[in-house]
């Protein structure tokens, strides 16, 4: 499982991102723009809370009956001519993919944007096997040629970089001689990628949602690349997170109505592709072979846990756009493939606490993410529960922190010690300037402590007969 995107310690990651003014400006501009568009889109839709309730009900129902819908989907997709595989972990999923490509003697694959393939490390594995993988989503393509940079957002992968940076990358890596106008750079990249579609042996996609009733897989994009990936190559391989499923097209309509508005503030996405089986005898285009790999990779563990409702996520990325912490450190500050509130709620249980216990400290528990989640995942409650578990598990908490909090408990639990501590509190204004909190005090000041404690004032009041 390649959830981790950085080996730097948490503090170093945060310092690195906070010291990047270009990134912080790019994230802030994107948040302001997309949040405004989202609010306008839902205001026009009306009854936002009712839509959220309905979407929550649909996704919770699927999780409660996931085995039934997965079996139904597999049966229907197989009946339509697709080959369906169930992968327990990343190794099995990538092995299935590699075997399919090797049987086709593939040397080049074109790929549309997919978070689950990032999660299982598909690109790296295929490249090690000598198969060239071309990302065709504009943002993913730019990150790929930019030294294989990782996405910082699950919908807008290159959110952390601006047009000037990418004009420089295109000039250095691809010989671009134009300006930084997005349309001109896009036109240049389009010409580069177009020939890749025609030369590719296999097309690789993710799956936004699958429809159990018909065995249909869907792909939602804002560019035409997804259509090329699913029609030009003779073989298509779909990687699908096992929870990404709805019962019928009626539920698909509701979830997609929430997805487009939440992700980019649009009524509909530019391209919505629905594929049931491979190309038929009367079809004019489409793959001759369709392979669907359903990926578990820790999702069963999440489903069995108290955090199961995080699997309701439809991957809109709204929680990240609303998060004040994400605004300052971007997705890279989290050091995980799934950043922001979603990542903090999901990753510790998906991939384990040992490597990811520290990321839960990033959240301020402001609750903004809960207010905008289109499927009403209790994100900050889950993050708080992770913190509680980490604190109570002795082997997950650093020794220094355990000692400090233990002494704090001793003080709070003793009237005598508490009294002494509150008497000493009037001198606390000096502590951050000279002690371990020195760095904390660079941008903050402790509130001024009154000379008279409340307990002294109250005792004196009672001694003198109470208020007059």
Protein backbone atom coordinates (compact mmCIF):
# COMPACT_ATOMS: atom_id res chain seq x y z
CA UNK A 1 0.00 0.00 0.00
CA UNK A 2 1.63 3.26 -1.14
CA UNK A 3 -0.39 5.69 0.99
CA UNK A 4 2.75 7.49 2.18
CA UNK A 5 4.02 10.27 -0.10
CA UNK A 6 6.88 11.63 2.03
CA UNK A 7 9.50 10.21 4.39
CA UNK A 8 10.08 13.56 6.09
CA UNK A 9 9.01 13.82 9.76
CA UNK A 10 5.78 15.72 10.35
CA UNK A 11 7.46 18.88 11.65
CA UNK A 12 9.84 19.07 8.69
CA UNK A 13 7.00 18.54 6.21
CA UNK A 14 4.98 21.33 7.76
CA UNK A 15 7.92 23.73 7.85
CA UNK A 16 8.67 22.96 4.20
CA UNK A 17 5.12 23.66 3.06
CA UNK A 18 4.64 26.72 5.26
CA UNK A 19 7.80 28.13 3.71
CA UNK A 20 6.39 27.85 0.18
CA UNK A 21 4.49 31.10 -0.52
CA UNK A 22 3.73 30.14 -4.14
CA UNK A 23 1.98 26.96 -3.03
CA UNK A 24 0.04 28.69 -0.26
CA UNK A 25 -1.20 31.37 -2.63
CA UNK A 26 -2.22 28.77 -5.23
CA UNK A 27 -4.16 26.73 -2.66
CA UNK A 28 -5.85 29.80 -1.19
CA UNK A 29 -6.93 31.05 -4.61
CA UNK A 30 -8.29 27.64 -5.56
CA UNK A 31 -10.17 27.26 -2.28
CA UNK A 32 -11.79 30.68 -2.60
CA UNK A 33 -12.77 30.09 -6.22
CA UNK A 34 -14.12 26.55 -5.88
CA UNK A 35 -15.86 27.14 -2.55
CA UNK A 36 -17.72 30.10 -4.02
CA UNK A 37 -18.77 28.08 -7.06
CA UNK A 38 -19.89 25.19 -4.87
CA UNK A 39 -22.05 27.39 -2.67
CA UNK A 40 -23.69 28.97 -5.71
CA UNK A 41 -24.33 25.56 -7.31
CA UNK A 42 -26.05 24.18 -4.22
CA UNK A 43 -28.01 27.37 -3.64
CA UNK A 44 -29.43 27.02 -7.14
CA UNK A 45 -30.19 23.33 -6.53
CA UNK A 46 -32.03 24.06 -3.30
CA UNK A 47 -32.75 21.84 -0.27
CA UNK A 48 -29.06 21.12 0.28
CA UNK A 49 -29.63 19.33 3.58
CA UNK A 50 -32.31 17.10 2.08
CA UNK A 51 -29.97 16.14 -0.76
CA UNK A 52 -27.26 15.36 1.80
CA UNK A 53 -29.63 13.21 3.84
CA UNK A 54 -30.61 11.25 0.74
CA UNK A 55 -27.01 10.78 -0.39
CA UNK A 56 -26.03 9.67 3.13
CA UNK A 57 -28.86 7.12 3.19
CA UNK A 58 -27.84 5.68 -0.18
CA UNK A 59 -24.20 5.30 0.72
CA UNK A 60 -24.93 3.86 4.18
CA UNK A 61 -27.36 1.35 2.65
CA UNK A 62 -24.66 0.20 0.22
CA UNK A 63 -22.16 -0.32 3.03
CA UNK A 64 -24.70 -2.35 5.01
CA UNK A 65 -25.30 -4.58 1.98
CA UNK A 66 -21.95 -4.36 0.24
CA UNK A 67 -21.48 -8.09 -0.26
CA UNK A 68 -24.84 -8.37 -2.00
CA UNK A 69 -24.21 -5.46 -4.37
CA UNK A 70 -20.66 -6.55 -5.19
CA UNK A 71 -21.87 -10.03 -6.11
CA UNK A 72 -24.70 -8.59 -8.16
CA UNK A 73 -22.32 -6.23 -9.96
CA UNK A 74 -19.84 -9.02 -10.70
CA UNK A 75 -22.57 -11.26 -12.09
CA UNK A 76 -24.02 -8.54 -14.32
CA UNK A 77 -20.65 -7.29 -15.54
CA UNK A 78 -19.56 -10.85 -16.36
CA UNK A 79 -22.82 -11.50 -18.19
CA UNK A 80 -22.12 -8.39 -20.28
CA UNK A 81 -18.72 -9.79 -21.30
CA UNK A 82 -16.37 -8.17 -18.78
CA UNK A 83 -13.78 -10.09 -16.76
CA UNK A 84 -14.08 -9.34 -13.02
CA UNK A 85 -11.33 -9.92 -10.45
CA UNK A 86 -11.33 -9.38 -6.68
CA UNK A 87 -8.00 -8.22 -5.24
CA UNK A 88 -7.39 -8.54 -1.51
CA UNK A 89 -4.47 -6.11 -1.39
CA UNK A 90 -2.27 -3.86 -3.52
CA UNK A 91 0.10 -6.67 -4.48
CA UNK A 92 -2.70 -8.83 -5.83
CA UNK A 93 -4.35 -5.92 -7.66
CA UNK A 94 -1.12 -4.88 -9.40
CA UNK A 95 -0.32 -8.51 -10.22
CA UNK A 96 -3.68 -8.91 -11.93
CA UNK A 97 -3.04 -5.74 -13.90
CA UNK A 98 0.47 -6.75 -14.91
CA UNK A 99 -0.68 -10.21 -16.04
CA UNK A 100 -3.37 -8.68 -18.24
CA UNK A 101 -0.91 -6.30 -19.89
CA UNK A 102 1.73 -8.98 -20.34
CA UNK A 103 -0.77 -11.30 -22.04
CA UNK A 104 -1.47 -8.48 -24.49
CA UNK A 105 2.31 -8.00 -24.91
CA UNK A 106 1.73 -4.35 -24.01
CA UNK A 107 4.62 -1.90 -24.10
CA UNK A 108 2.60 1.29 -23.57
CA UNK A 109 -0.54 2.09 -21.57
CA UNK A 110 -2.54 5.31 -21.43
CA UNK A 111 -4.22 6.07 -18.14
CA UNK A 112 -6.93 8.41 -16.92
CA UNK A 113 -6.84 9.94 -13.44
CA UNK A 114 -7.34 7.33 -10.71
CA UNK A 115 -6.67 7.58 -6.99
CA UNK A 116 -6.96 3.84 -6.37
CA UNK A 117 -4.15 3.14 -8.88
CA UNK A 118 -2.04 5.71 -7.05
CA UNK A 119 -2.89 3.93 -3.82
CA UNK A 120 -1.69 0.53 -5.03
CA UNK A 121 1.41 1.88 -6.79
CA UNK A 122 0.35 0.66 -10.23
CA UNK A 123 2.46 3.05 -12.31
CA UNK A 124 5.66 2.20 -10.49
CA UNK A 125 5.06 -1.54 -10.77
CA UNK A 126 4.28 -1.41 -14.50
CA UNK A 127 7.29 0.79 -15.22
CA UNK A 128 9.54 -1.64 -13.35
CA UNK A 129 8.21 -4.34 -15.69
CA UNK A 130 9.21 -2.25 -18.71
CA UNK A 131 5.74 -0.93 -19.60
CA UNK A 132 5.47 2.80 -20.27
CA UNK A 133 2.50 4.47 -18.55
CA UNK A 134 1.25 7.82 -19.85
CA UNK A 135 -1.01 9.89 -17.59
CA UNK A 136 -3.57 11.66 -19.78
CA UNK A 137 -5.35 13.89 -17.27
CA UNK A 138 -3.75 17.32 -17.78
CA UNK A 139 -2.88 17.83 -14.12
CA UNK A 140 -1.60 14.28 -13.66
CA UNK A 141 0.42 14.51 -16.89
CA UNK A 142 2.10 17.72 -15.75
CA UNK A 143 2.93 16.19 -12.37
CA UNK A 144 4.28 13.07 -14.08
CA UNK A 145 6.74 15.00 -16.24
CA UNK A 146 7.55 17.21 -13.23
CA UNK A 147 9.73 14.49 -11.66
CA UNK A 148 6.74 12.27 -10.85
CA UNK A 149 5.33 14.67 -8.29
CA UNK A 150 2.37 13.33 -6.30
CA UNK A 151 -1.13 14.88 -6.39
CA UNK A 152 -1.98 17.23 -3.54
CA UNK A 153 -5.75 16.98 -4.03
CA UNK A 154 -7.90 14.02 -5.02
CA UNK A 155 -9.85 15.93 -7.69
CA UNK A 156 -7.49 18.73 -8.73
CA UNK A 157 -4.10 16.97 -8.48
CA UNK A 158 -1.91 19.94 -9.44
CA UNK A 159 -3.70 22.39 -7.17
CA UNK A 160 -0.46 23.28 -5.38
CA UNK A 161 1.34 24.66 -8.44
CA UNK A 162 0.64 27.57 -10.77
CA UNK A 163 0.80 28.24 -14.50
CA UNK A 164 4.25 29.85 -14.36
CA UNK A 165 5.73 26.73 -12.82
CA UNK A 166 4.19 24.45 -15.42
CA UNK A 167 5.21 26.69 -18.32
CA UNK A 168 8.79 26.27 -17.09
CA UNK A 169 8.37 22.48 -16.75
CA UNK A 170 6.93 22.16 -20.26
CA UNK A 171 9.77 24.26 -21.67
CA UNK A 172 12.47 22.20 -19.93
CA UNK A 173 10.97 18.74 -20.43
CA UNK A 174 9.03 19.02 -23.70
CA UNK A 175 10.50 22.00 -25.58
CA UNK A 176 7.48 24.29 -25.17
CA UNK A 177 8.21 27.79 -26.44
CA UNK A 178 4.91 29.50 -25.71
CA UNK A 179 3.57 31.69 -22.92
CA UNK A 180 1.86 30.79 -19.64
CA UNK A 181 -1.70 31.13 -20.95
CA UNK A 182 -3.51 27.92 -19.81
CA UNK A 183 -5.29 27.43 -23.14
CA UNK A 184 -2.02 27.58 -25.06
CA UNK A 185 -0.25 25.15 -22.73
CA UNK A 186 -3.24 22.81 -22.85
CA UNK A 187 -3.24 22.88 -26.66
CA UNK A 188 0.46 21.99 -26.66
CA UNK A 189 -0.04 19.06 -24.25
CA UNK A 190 -3.05 17.84 -26.24
CA UNK A 191 -0.89 17.45 -29.33
CA UNK A 192 1.67 15.47 -27.34
CA UNK A 193 -0.86 13.10 -25.81
CA UNK A 194 -3.02 12.57 -28.88
CA UNK A 195 -0.48 10.28 -30.54
CA UNK A 196 -0.09 8.31 -27.30
CA UNK A 197 -3.76 7.26 -27.46
CA UNK A 198 -3.22 5.86 -30.96
CA UNK A 199 -0.06 3.98 -30.02
CA UNK A 200 -1.17 2.56 -26.65
CA UNK A 201 -1.87 -1.14 -26.26
CA UNK A 202 -4.01 -0.83 -23.14
CA UNK A 203 -6.18 1.84 -21.52
CA UNK A 204 -6.31 2.04 -17.71
CA UNK A 205 -9.02 3.87 -15.74
CA UNK A 206 -10.48 4.13 -12.30
CA UNK A 207 -14.18 3.93 -11.55
CA UNK A 208 -16.14 6.72 -9.91
CA UNK A 209 -19.13 4.49 -9.22
CA UNK A 210 -20.33 1.11 -10.44
CA UNK A 211 -24.01 0.26 -10.94
CA UNK A 212 -24.81 -3.13 -9.43
CA UNK A 213 -28.09 -3.60 -11.33
CA UNK A 214 -26.42 -3.57 -14.75
CA UNK A 215 -22.71 -4.22 -14.18
CA UNK A 216 -21.90 -0.72 -15.46
CA UNK A 217 -18.71 1.18 -14.61
CA UNK A 218 -18.66 4.97 -14.80
CA UNK A 219 -15.97 7.55 -15.34
CA UNK A 220 -16.39 11.26 -14.61
CA UNK A 221 -13.88 13.71 -16.11
CA UNK A 222 -13.63 17.37 -17.08
CA UNK A 223 -11.50 16.59 -20.12
CA UNK A 224 -11.95 14.34 -23.13
CA UNK A 225 -9.01 12.13 -22.19
CA UNK A 226 -11.20 9.57 -20.43
CA UNK A 227 -13.15 8.94 -23.62
CA UNK A 228 -9.93 8.30 -25.56
CA UNK A 229 -8.58 5.96 -22.90
CA UNK A 230 -11.79 3.90 -22.95
CA UNK A 231 -12.26 3.74 -26.72
CA UNK A 232 -8.93 3.87 -28.58
CA UNK A 233 -7.00 0.90 -27.07
CA UNK A 234 -8.39 -2.57 -27.71
CA UNK A 235 -8.04 -3.54 -24.04
CA UNK A 236 -9.32 -1.59 -21.04
CA UNK A 237 -8.47 -2.31 -17.41
CA UNK A 238 -10.63 -0.71 -14.70
CA UNK A 239 -9.46 -0.46 -11.08
CA UNK A 240 -12.35 0.04 -8.67
CA UNK A 241 -12.38 0.52 -4.90
CA UNK A 242 -14.80 -2.09 -3.61
CA UNK A 243 -17.05 0.46 -1.87
CA UNK A 244 -17.56 2.53 -5.03
CA UNK A 245 -20.94 1.13 -5.97
CA UNK A 246 -24.64 2.09 -6.11
CA UNK A 247 -27.68 -0.18 -6.51
CA UNK A 248 -29.30 1.38 -9.61
CA UNK A 249 -29.13 4.34 -11.99
CA UNK A 250 -31.63 6.20 -9.79
CA UNK A 251 -29.08 6.34 -6.95
CA UNK A 252 -26.30 7.11 -9.41
CA UNK A 253 -28.20 10.20 -10.53
CA UNK A 254 -28.39 11.52 -6.96
CA UNK A 255 -24.76 10.84 -6.09
CA UNK A 256 -23.46 12.34 -9.34
CA UNK A 257 -25.62 15.42 -8.73
CA UNK A 258 -23.80 15.87 -5.42
CA UNK A 259 -20.37 14.92 -6.79
CA UNK A 260 -20.13 17.50 -9.57
CA UNK A 261 -21.43 20.34 -7.40
CA UNK A 262 -19.25 19.45 -4.43
CA UNK A 263 -16.04 18.89 -6.39
CA UNK A 264 -15.96 21.83 -8.80
CA UNK A 265 -19.22 23.74 -8.30
CA UNK A 266 -20.76 22.54 -11.58
CA UNK A 267 -24.21 21.13 -12.34
CA UNK A 268 -22.63 18.38 -14.43
CA UNK A 269 -19.14 17.32 -15.28
CA UNK A 270 -17.97 17.78 -18.86
CA UNK A 271 -17.75 14.07 -19.65
CA UNK A 272 -19.70 11.27 -18.02
CA UNK A 273 -18.85 7.86 -19.48
CA UNK A 274 -20.90 4.75 -18.68
CA UNK A 275 -19.53 1.40 -19.86
CA UNK A 276 -21.32 -1.95 -19.66
CA UNK A 277 -19.14 -4.74 -20.97
CA UNK A 278 -16.71 -4.53 -23.90
CA UNK A 279 -17.51 -3.40 -27.43
CA UNK A 280 -20.48 -5.26 -28.91
CA UNK A 281 -21.00 -6.29 -32.55
CA UNK A 282 -23.13 -3.19 -33.23
CA UNK A 283 -20.93 -0.73 -31.30
CA UNK A 284 -18.77 1.65 -33.28
CA UNK A 285 -16.10 2.08 -30.64
CA UNK A 286 -14.95 0.74 -27.30
CA UNK A 287 -12.50 -1.88 -26.06
CA UNK A 288 -12.60 -5.42 -27.34
CA UNK A 289 -11.69 -6.63 -23.83
CA UNK A 290 -12.83 -5.12 -20.53
CA UNK A 291 -11.20 -6.18 -17.27
CA UNK A 292 -12.50 -4.89 -13.91
CA UNK A 293 -10.31 -5.30 -10.81
CA UNK A 294 -12.22 -4.70 -7.57
CA UNK A 295 -9.74 -3.59 -4.90
CA UNK A 296 -10.05 -4.20 -1.15
CA UNK A 297 -6.61 -3.10 0.12
CA UNK A 298 -7.70 -2.48 3.71
CA UNK A 299 -11.30 -1.46 3.03
CA UNK A 300 -12.67 -4.60 4.69
CA UNK A 301 -10.79 -3.57 7.83
CA UNK A 302 -12.37 -0.13 7.68
CA UNK A 303 -15.80 -1.66 7.08
CA UNK A 304 -15.48 -3.78 10.24
CA UNK A 305 -14.35 -0.84 12.39
CA UNK A 306 -16.17 1.97 14.16
CA UNK A 307 -14.96 4.23 11.34
CA UNK A 308 -16.87 2.42 8.60
CA UNK A 309 -18.92 5.45 7.53
CA UNK A 310 -15.80 7.08 6.08
CA UNK A 311 -16.30 4.61 3.21
CA UNK A 312 -19.39 6.63 2.26
CA UNK A 313 -16.91 9.08 0.68
CA UNK A 314 -17.59 9.87 -2.99
CA UNK A 315 -14.13 11.46 -3.45
CA UNK A 316 -15.29 15.01 -4.15
CA UNK A 317 -12.46 16.64 -2.14
CA UNK A 318 -14.78 19.26 -0.62
CA UNK A 319 -13.54 18.68 2.91
CA UNK A 320 -10.02 19.63 1.79
CA UNK A 321 -11.19 22.81 0.11
CA UNK A 322 -12.96 23.87 3.29
CA UNK A 323 -10.15 22.93 5.69
CA UNK A 324 -8.07 25.81 7.15
CA UNK A 325 -5.10 23.52 7.82
CA UNK A 326 -5.07 22.23 4.23
CA UNK A 327 -5.10 25.85 3.04
CA UNK A 328 -1.66 26.43 4.56
CA UNK A 329 0.13 23.12 4.04
CA UNK A 330 -1.56 21.63 0.94
CA UNK A 331 -1.93 17.90 0.49
CA UNK A 332 1.82 17.37 0.63
CA UNK A 333 1.98 18.58 4.22
CA UNK A 334 0.03 15.53 5.31
CA UNK A 335 2.52 13.16 3.70
CA UNK A 336 -0.27 10.81 2.60
CA UNK A 337 -2.00 10.13 -0.69
CA UNK A 338 -5.35 11.00 0.89
CA UNK A 339 -4.84 14.37 2.61
CA UNK A 340 -7.10 16.75 4.52
CA UNK A 341 -9.93 15.66 6.82
CA UNK A 342 -10.64 12.60 4.66
CA UNK A 343 -7.07 11.40 5.01
CA UNK A 344 -6.98 12.00 8.76
CA UNK A 345 -10.17 9.98 9.23
CA UNK A 346 -9.35 7.21 6.74
CA UNK A 347 -5.61 6.59 6.60
CA UNK A 348 -4.90 5.57 10.24
CA UNK A 349 -7.45 2.77 10.06
CA UNK A 350 -6.79 1.89 6.40
CA UNK A 351 -3.01 1.64 6.77
CA UNK A 352 -2.43 1.42 10.54
CA UNK A 353 -1.53 3.76 13.39
CA UNK A 354 2.18 2.96 13.58
CA UNK A 355 3.13 5.09 10.58
CA UNK A 356 0.21 7.53 10.58
CA UNK A 357 -0.59 8.39 14.19
CA UNK A 358 1.02 11.84 13.97
CA UNK A 359 -1.07 13.18 11.08
CA UNK A 360 -4.19 13.42 13.28
CA UNK A 361 -2.46 16.30 15.10
CA UNK A 362 -2.87 18.50 12.04
CA UNK A 363 -6.63 18.95 12.52
CA UNK A 364 -7.97 21.89 14.56
CA UNK A 365 -11.32 20.09 15.11
CA UNK A 366 -13.16 23.16 13.82
CA UNK A 367 -15.81 20.97 12.21
CA UNK A 368 -15.95 22.85 8.89
CA UNK A 369 -15.47 19.60 6.97
CA UNK A 370 -18.60 18.09 8.49
CA UNK A 371 -20.72 21.00 7.33
CA UNK A 372 -19.85 20.57 3.65
CA UNK A 373 -19.47 16.80 3.23
CA UNK A 374 -22.17 15.80 0.73
CA UNK A 375 -22.66 12.39 2.36
CA UNK A 376 -22.42 13.62 5.97
CA UNK A 377 -19.37 11.67 7.13
CA UNK A 378 -18.60 12.61 10.77
CA UNK A 379 -15.04 13.48 9.85
CA UNK A 380 -13.87 15.50 12.81
CA UNK A 381 -15.50 13.11 15.28
CA UNK A 382 -13.52 10.30 13.66
CA UNK A 383 -10.31 12.34 13.87
CA UNK A 384 -10.99 13.04 17.53
CA UNK A 385 -11.62 9.33 18.14
CA UNK A 386 -8.27 8.51 16.51
CA UNK A 387 -6.59 10.95 18.89
CA UNK A 388 -8.32 9.39 21.89
CA UNK A 389 -7.26 5.90 20.86
CA UNK A 390 -3.65 6.98 20.29
CA UNK A 391 -3.54 8.67 23.70
CA UNK A 392 -4.93 5.63 25.50
CA UNK A 393 -2.68 3.11 23.74
CA UNK A 394 0.58 3.31 25.64
CA UNK A 395 2.81 2.13 22.80
CA UNK A 396 1.54 4.81 20.38
CA UNK A 397 2.31 7.86 22.53
CA UNK A 398 5.86 9.29 22.81
CA UNK A 399 7.43 8.82 26.25
CA UNK A 400 7.89 12.55 26.80
CA UNK A 401 4.26 13.26 26.04
CA UNK A 402 3.09 10.48 28.36
CA UNK A 403 5.22 11.86 31.21
CA UNK A 404 4.03 15.42 30.61
CA UNK A 405 0.34 14.50 30.45
CA UNK A 406 0.77 12.24 33.48
CA UNK A 407 2.12 15.12 35.55
CA UNK A 408 -0.69 17.33 34.24
CA UNK A 409 -3.19 14.73 35.46
CA UNK A 410 -1.51 14.68 38.86
CA UNK A 411 -1.87 18.46 39.15
CA UNK A 412 -5.49 18.54 38.01
CA UNK A 413 -6.37 15.68 40.34
CA UNK A 414 -4.91 17.27 43.46
CA UNK A 415 -6.47 20.34 45.09
CA UNK A 416 -3.17 21.24 46.75
CA UNK A 417 -1.07 20.94 43.59
CA UNK A 418 -3.72 22.74 41.56
CA UNK A 419 -3.67 25.60 44.05
CA UNK A 420 0.10 25.91 43.82
CA UNK A 421 -0.05 25.79 40.03
CA UNK A 422 -2.62 28.57 39.81
CA UNK A 423 -0.52 30.72 42.13
CA UNK A 424 2.47 30.22 39.85
CA UNK A 425 0.40 30.91 36.74
CA UNK A 426 0.88 34.68 37.05
CA UNK A 427 4.50 34.15 35.97
CA UNK A 428 3.58 32.00 32.96
CA UNK A 429 4.03 34.87 30.53
CA UNK A 430 7.78 34.33 30.72
CA UNK A 431 7.71 30.60 30.10
CA UNK A 432 7.15 30.55 26.32
CA UNK A 433 10.00 32.99 25.78
CA UNK A 434 12.58 30.76 27.45
CA UNK A 435 11.20 27.22 27.66
CA UNK A 436 10.12 24.45 25.29
CA UNK A 437 7.20 26.63 24.10
CA UNK A 438 9.53 29.29 22.72
CA UNK A 439 8.73 28.41 19.10
CA UNK A 440 5.01 28.40 19.87
CA UNK A 441 5.23 31.98 21.15
CA UNK A 442 6.67 33.38 17.90
CA UNK A 443 3.15 34.10 16.60
CA UNK A 444 1.18 33.99 19.86
CA UNK A 445 1.02 35.42 23.38
CA UNK A 446 -0.44 33.70 26.39
CA UNK A 447 -3.36 35.64 27.86
CA UNK A 448 -2.43 37.84 30.78
CA UNK A 449 -3.14 36.03 34.05
CA UNK A 450 -4.97 38.17 36.69
CA UNK A 451 -3.08 38.65 39.95
CA UNK A 452 -6.11 37.56 41.98
CA UNK A 453 -7.33 34.02 41.46
CA UNK A 454 -11.05 33.30 41.30
CA UNK A 455 -10.85 30.93 44.27
CA UNK A 456 -9.18 33.70 46.36
CA UNK A 457 -11.76 36.26 45.27
CA UNK A 458 -14.62 33.89 46.07
CA UNK A 459 -13.17 32.94 49.47
CA UNK A 460 -12.78 36.62 50.37
CA UNK A 461 -16.31 37.31 49.22
CA UNK A 462 -17.72 34.54 51.42
CA UNK A 463 -15.64 35.70 54.38
CA UNK A 464 -17.11 39.18 54.09
CA UNK A 465 -20.71 37.98 53.94
CA UNK A 466 -21.22 37.72 50.17
CA UNK A 467 -22.25 40.39 47.68
CA UNK A 468 -23.88 43.53 49.04
